[in-house]
N, C-alpha and C. Protein backbone atom coordinates (compact mmCIF):
# COMPACT_ATOMS: atom_id res chain seq x y z
N UNK A 1 86.40 117.87 105.27
CA UNK A 1 86.83 117.52 106.61
C UNK A 1 88.05 118.35 106.99
N UNK A 2 88.17 118.56 108.28
CA UNK A 2 89.28 119.33 108.83
C UNK A 2 90.18 118.41 109.63
N UNK A 3 91.47 118.72 109.67
CA UNK A 3 92.41 117.94 110.45
C UNK A 3 92.60 118.60 111.81
N UNK A 4 92.50 117.80 112.87
CA UNK A 4 92.62 118.29 114.24
C UNK A 4 93.81 117.62 114.92
N UNK A 5 94.57 118.43 115.65
CA UNK A 5 95.72 117.92 116.40
C UNK A 5 95.39 117.95 117.88
N UNK A 6 95.64 116.81 118.54
CA UNK A 6 95.42 116.71 119.98
C UNK A 6 96.22 115.51 120.51
N UNK A 7 96.39 115.48 121.82
CA UNK A 7 97.12 114.39 122.48
C UNK A 7 96.18 113.66 123.43
N UNK A 8 96.26 112.35 123.42
CA UNK A 8 95.50 111.53 124.35
C UNK A 8 96.50 110.89 125.31
N UNK A 9 96.34 111.19 126.60
CA UNK A 9 97.21 110.63 127.63
C UNK A 9 96.58 109.33 128.12
N UNK A 10 97.38 108.27 128.12
CA UNK A 10 96.90 106.93 128.45
C UNK A 10 97.66 106.42 129.67
N UNK A 11 96.91 105.84 130.61
CA UNK A 11 97.51 105.23 131.80
C UNK A 11 98.06 103.86 131.44
N UNK A 12 99.27 103.84 130.95
CA UNK A 12 99.88 102.56 130.56
C UNK A 12 101.39 102.76 130.55
N UNK A 13 102.08 101.94 131.26
CA UNK A 13 103.53 102.01 131.30
C UNK A 13 104.13 100.97 130.35
N UNK A 14 105.14 101.38 129.63
CA UNK A 14 105.88 100.45 128.79
C UNK A 14 107.32 100.41 129.29
N UNK A 15 107.89 99.22 129.33
CA UNK A 15 109.21 99.06 129.92
C UNK A 15 110.28 98.61 128.94
N UNK A 16 109.88 98.36 127.70
CA UNK A 16 110.87 97.91 126.74
C UNK A 16 110.47 98.37 125.34
N UNK A 17 111.42 98.31 124.45
CA UNK A 17 111.16 98.68 123.06
C UNK A 17 110.12 97.74 122.44
N UNK A 18 110.18 96.46 122.81
CA UNK A 18 109.21 95.49 122.29
C UNK A 18 107.79 95.86 122.74
N UNK A 19 107.62 96.27 124.00
CA UNK A 19 106.30 96.67 124.49
C UNK A 19 105.78 97.90 123.74
N UNK A 20 106.67 98.83 123.43
CA UNK A 20 106.28 100.03 122.69
C UNK A 20 105.81 99.64 121.28
N UNK A 21 106.59 98.77 120.62
CA UNK A 21 106.23 98.34 119.27
C UNK A 21 104.93 97.54 119.27
N UNK A 22 104.75 96.68 120.27
CA UNK A 22 103.51 95.91 120.37
C UNK A 22 102.31 96.83 120.58
N UNK A 23 102.47 97.83 121.44
CA UNK A 23 101.39 98.78 121.69
C UNK A 23 101.09 99.58 120.43
N UNK A 24 102.11 100.01 119.73
CA UNK A 24 101.90 100.75 118.48
C UNK A 24 101.15 99.90 117.46
N UNK A 25 101.48 98.62 117.38
CA UNK A 25 100.78 97.72 116.46
C UNK A 25 99.31 97.54 116.86
N UNK A 26 99.05 97.39 118.16
CA UNK A 26 97.67 97.24 118.63
C UNK A 26 96.85 98.49 118.33
N UNK A 27 97.45 99.66 118.57
CA UNK A 27 96.74 100.91 118.31
C UNK A 27 96.46 101.08 116.81
N UNK A 28 97.44 100.77 115.98
CA UNK A 28 97.25 100.89 114.53
C UNK A 28 96.15 99.94 114.06
N UNK A 29 96.12 98.73 114.59
CA UNK A 29 95.09 97.76 114.21
C UNK A 29 93.70 98.23 114.62
N UNK A 30 93.62 99.05 115.68
CA UNK A 30 92.33 99.57 116.16
C UNK A 30 91.90 100.82 115.38
N UNK A 31 92.79 101.32 114.49
CA UNK A 31 92.44 102.49 113.68
C UNK A 31 93.20 103.75 114.02
N UNK A 32 94.15 103.64 114.94
CA UNK A 32 94.92 104.82 115.36
C UNK A 32 96.20 104.98 114.55
N UNK A 33 96.15 104.69 113.26
CA UNK A 33 97.35 104.81 112.44
C UNK A 33 97.65 106.26 112.08
N UNK A 34 96.81 107.18 112.54
CA UNK A 34 97.06 108.61 112.35
C UNK A 34 97.60 109.26 113.63
N UNK A 35 98.06 108.42 114.56
CA UNK A 35 98.62 108.93 115.81
C UNK A 35 100.05 108.48 115.99
N UNK A 36 100.82 109.27 116.72
CA UNK A 36 102.22 108.94 117.03
C UNK A 36 102.33 108.68 118.52
N UNK A 37 102.88 107.53 118.87
CA UNK A 37 103.03 107.11 120.24
C UNK A 37 104.29 107.70 120.84
N UNK A 38 104.18 108.18 122.08
CA UNK A 38 105.33 108.75 122.75
C UNK A 38 105.23 108.58 124.25
N UNK A 39 106.31 108.85 124.92
CA UNK A 39 106.33 108.77 126.37
C UNK A 39 105.66 109.97 127.01
N UNK A 40 105.19 109.78 128.22
CA UNK A 40 104.54 110.85 128.99
C UNK A 40 104.80 110.55 130.47
N UNK A 41 104.87 111.59 131.29
CA UNK A 41 105.11 111.40 132.73
C UNK A 41 104.09 110.47 133.37
N UNK A 42 102.88 110.43 132.83
CA UNK A 42 101.80 109.65 133.43
C UNK A 42 101.51 108.36 132.68
N UNK A 43 102.38 107.97 131.78
CA UNK A 43 102.18 106.74 131.00
C UNK A 43 102.69 106.93 129.60
N UNK A 44 101.77 106.91 128.64
CA UNK A 44 102.11 107.18 127.25
C UNK A 44 101.11 108.18 126.69
N UNK A 45 101.49 108.79 125.58
CA UNK A 45 100.56 109.69 124.90
C UNK A 45 100.54 109.33 123.43
N UNK A 46 99.39 109.58 122.83
CA UNK A 46 99.24 109.40 121.39
C UNK A 46 98.88 110.76 120.83
N UNK A 47 99.74 111.28 119.96
CA UNK A 47 99.52 112.58 119.33
C UNK A 47 98.85 112.33 117.98
N UNK A 48 97.66 112.88 117.84
CA UNK A 48 96.87 112.66 116.63
C UNK A 48 96.85 113.89 115.74
N UNK A 49 96.84 113.64 114.46
CA UNK A 49 96.47 114.59 113.42
C UNK A 49 95.35 113.88 112.68
N UNK A 50 94.11 114.11 113.16
CA UNK A 50 92.97 113.32 112.70
C UNK A 50 91.98 114.17 111.94
N UNK A 51 91.58 113.67 110.77
CA UNK A 51 90.55 114.34 109.98
C UNK A 51 89.18 113.89 110.46
N UNK A 52 88.30 114.88 110.63
CA UNK A 52 86.93 114.59 111.07
C UNK A 52 86.06 115.81 110.78
N UNK A 53 84.77 115.62 110.90
CA UNK A 53 83.82 116.72 110.68
C UNK A 53 83.89 117.76 111.80
N UNK A 54 84.30 117.32 113.00
CA UNK A 54 84.42 118.26 114.13
C UNK A 54 85.53 117.79 115.05
N UNK A 55 86.00 118.69 115.90
CA UNK A 55 87.04 118.34 116.88
C UNK A 55 86.49 117.28 117.84
N UNK A 56 85.25 117.44 118.28
CA UNK A 56 84.65 116.46 119.19
C UNK A 56 84.61 115.07 118.56
N UNK A 57 84.22 115.00 117.30
CA UNK A 57 84.17 113.70 116.61
C UNK A 57 85.56 113.09 116.51
N UNK A 58 86.56 113.90 116.21
CA UNK A 58 87.93 113.41 116.11
C UNK A 58 88.40 112.83 117.44
N UNK A 59 88.15 113.56 118.53
CA UNK A 59 88.59 113.10 119.85
C UNK A 59 87.79 111.89 120.31
N UNK A 60 86.50 111.89 120.08
CA UNK A 60 85.64 110.78 120.51
C UNK A 60 86.07 109.48 119.81
N UNK A 61 86.31 109.54 118.51
CA UNK A 61 86.70 108.33 117.79
C UNK A 61 88.07 107.83 118.24
N UNK A 62 88.98 108.74 118.54
CA UNK A 62 90.31 108.33 119.01
C UNK A 62 90.20 107.63 120.37
N UNK A 63 89.41 108.18 121.26
CA UNK A 63 89.24 107.56 122.59
C UNK A 63 88.61 106.17 122.44
N UNK A 64 87.60 106.05 121.62
CA UNK A 64 86.95 104.74 121.41
C UNK A 64 87.95 103.71 120.89
N UNK A 65 88.77 104.11 119.94
CA UNK A 65 89.74 103.17 119.37
C UNK A 65 90.80 102.79 120.38
N UNK A 66 91.25 103.73 121.17
CA UNK A 66 92.25 103.43 122.21
C UNK A 66 91.66 102.48 123.25
N UNK A 67 90.43 102.74 123.66
CA UNK A 67 89.79 101.90 124.67
C UNK A 67 89.50 100.50 124.14
N UNK A 68 89.35 100.34 122.82
CA UNK A 68 89.19 99.01 122.23
C UNK A 68 90.41 98.14 122.50
N UNK A 69 91.54 98.77 122.73
CA UNK A 69 92.78 98.06 123.01
C UNK A 69 92.91 97.69 124.49
N UNK A 70 91.89 98.01 125.28
CA UNK A 70 91.94 97.70 126.71
C UNK A 70 92.71 98.72 127.52
N UNK A 71 92.96 99.88 126.95
CA UNK A 71 93.72 100.93 127.64
C UNK A 71 92.77 101.93 128.30
N UNK A 72 93.28 102.63 129.31
CA UNK A 72 92.49 103.62 130.03
C UNK A 72 92.98 105.02 129.65
N UNK A 73 92.07 105.82 129.11
CA UNK A 73 92.38 107.20 128.73
C UNK A 73 92.25 108.08 129.96
N UNK A 74 93.32 108.82 130.27
CA UNK A 74 93.29 109.75 131.41
C UNK A 74 92.68 111.08 131.02
N UNK A 75 93.13 111.60 129.86
CA UNK A 75 92.64 112.91 129.42
C UNK A 75 93.09 113.18 128.00
N UNK A 76 92.51 114.24 127.45
CA UNK A 76 92.88 114.74 126.14
C UNK A 76 93.46 116.13 126.34
N UNK A 77 94.57 116.41 125.67
CA UNK A 77 95.22 117.71 125.77
C UNK A 77 95.23 118.40 124.41
N UNK A 78 95.00 119.70 124.43
CA UNK A 78 95.07 120.52 123.22
C UNK A 78 96.14 121.58 123.40
N UNK A 79 96.82 121.92 122.32
CA UNK A 79 97.74 123.06 122.34
C UNK A 79 96.93 124.34 122.36
N UNK A 80 97.48 125.38 122.90
CA UNK A 80 96.79 126.66 122.96
C UNK A 80 96.34 127.12 121.58
N UNK A 81 97.20 126.91 120.57
CA UNK A 81 96.86 127.31 119.21
C UNK A 81 95.62 126.58 118.69
N UNK A 82 95.45 125.32 119.09
CA UNK A 82 94.31 124.54 118.64
C UNK A 82 93.01 125.08 119.23
N UNK A 83 93.08 125.60 120.44
CA UNK A 83 91.89 126.13 121.10
C UNK A 83 91.48 127.44 120.46
N UNK A 84 92.46 128.26 120.07
CA UNK A 84 92.17 129.57 119.49
C UNK A 84 91.66 129.44 118.06
N UNK A 85 91.98 128.34 117.39
CA UNK A 85 91.61 128.17 115.97
C UNK A 85 90.12 127.94 115.77
C-alpha cells in the first residue's frame, strides 16, 4: 500500500476549543485517526496521510468516514507535488 496526502475541506464552523476537540473525537471514532484537523477559510479541513491501494480509494474512504459524522464535504485538495507523483 502507498500513503497518500490530501486535504478534505468540510463545511462546518467551530467556535470553541471544546467544539474542535469534540469534532476531532467524532472523526477519530469514524476512522479518521490518520487525519489532522485544522481551520480553513470555508470551515475546517482534515489533512490526511492515508494508506490505500490507490489515491481514489484513500479519498473515497475519507469522504465516507467524514460524512458518517453528519458533515458536508465541500472538496478535496491536493498539493501540486501529489499530482505530479
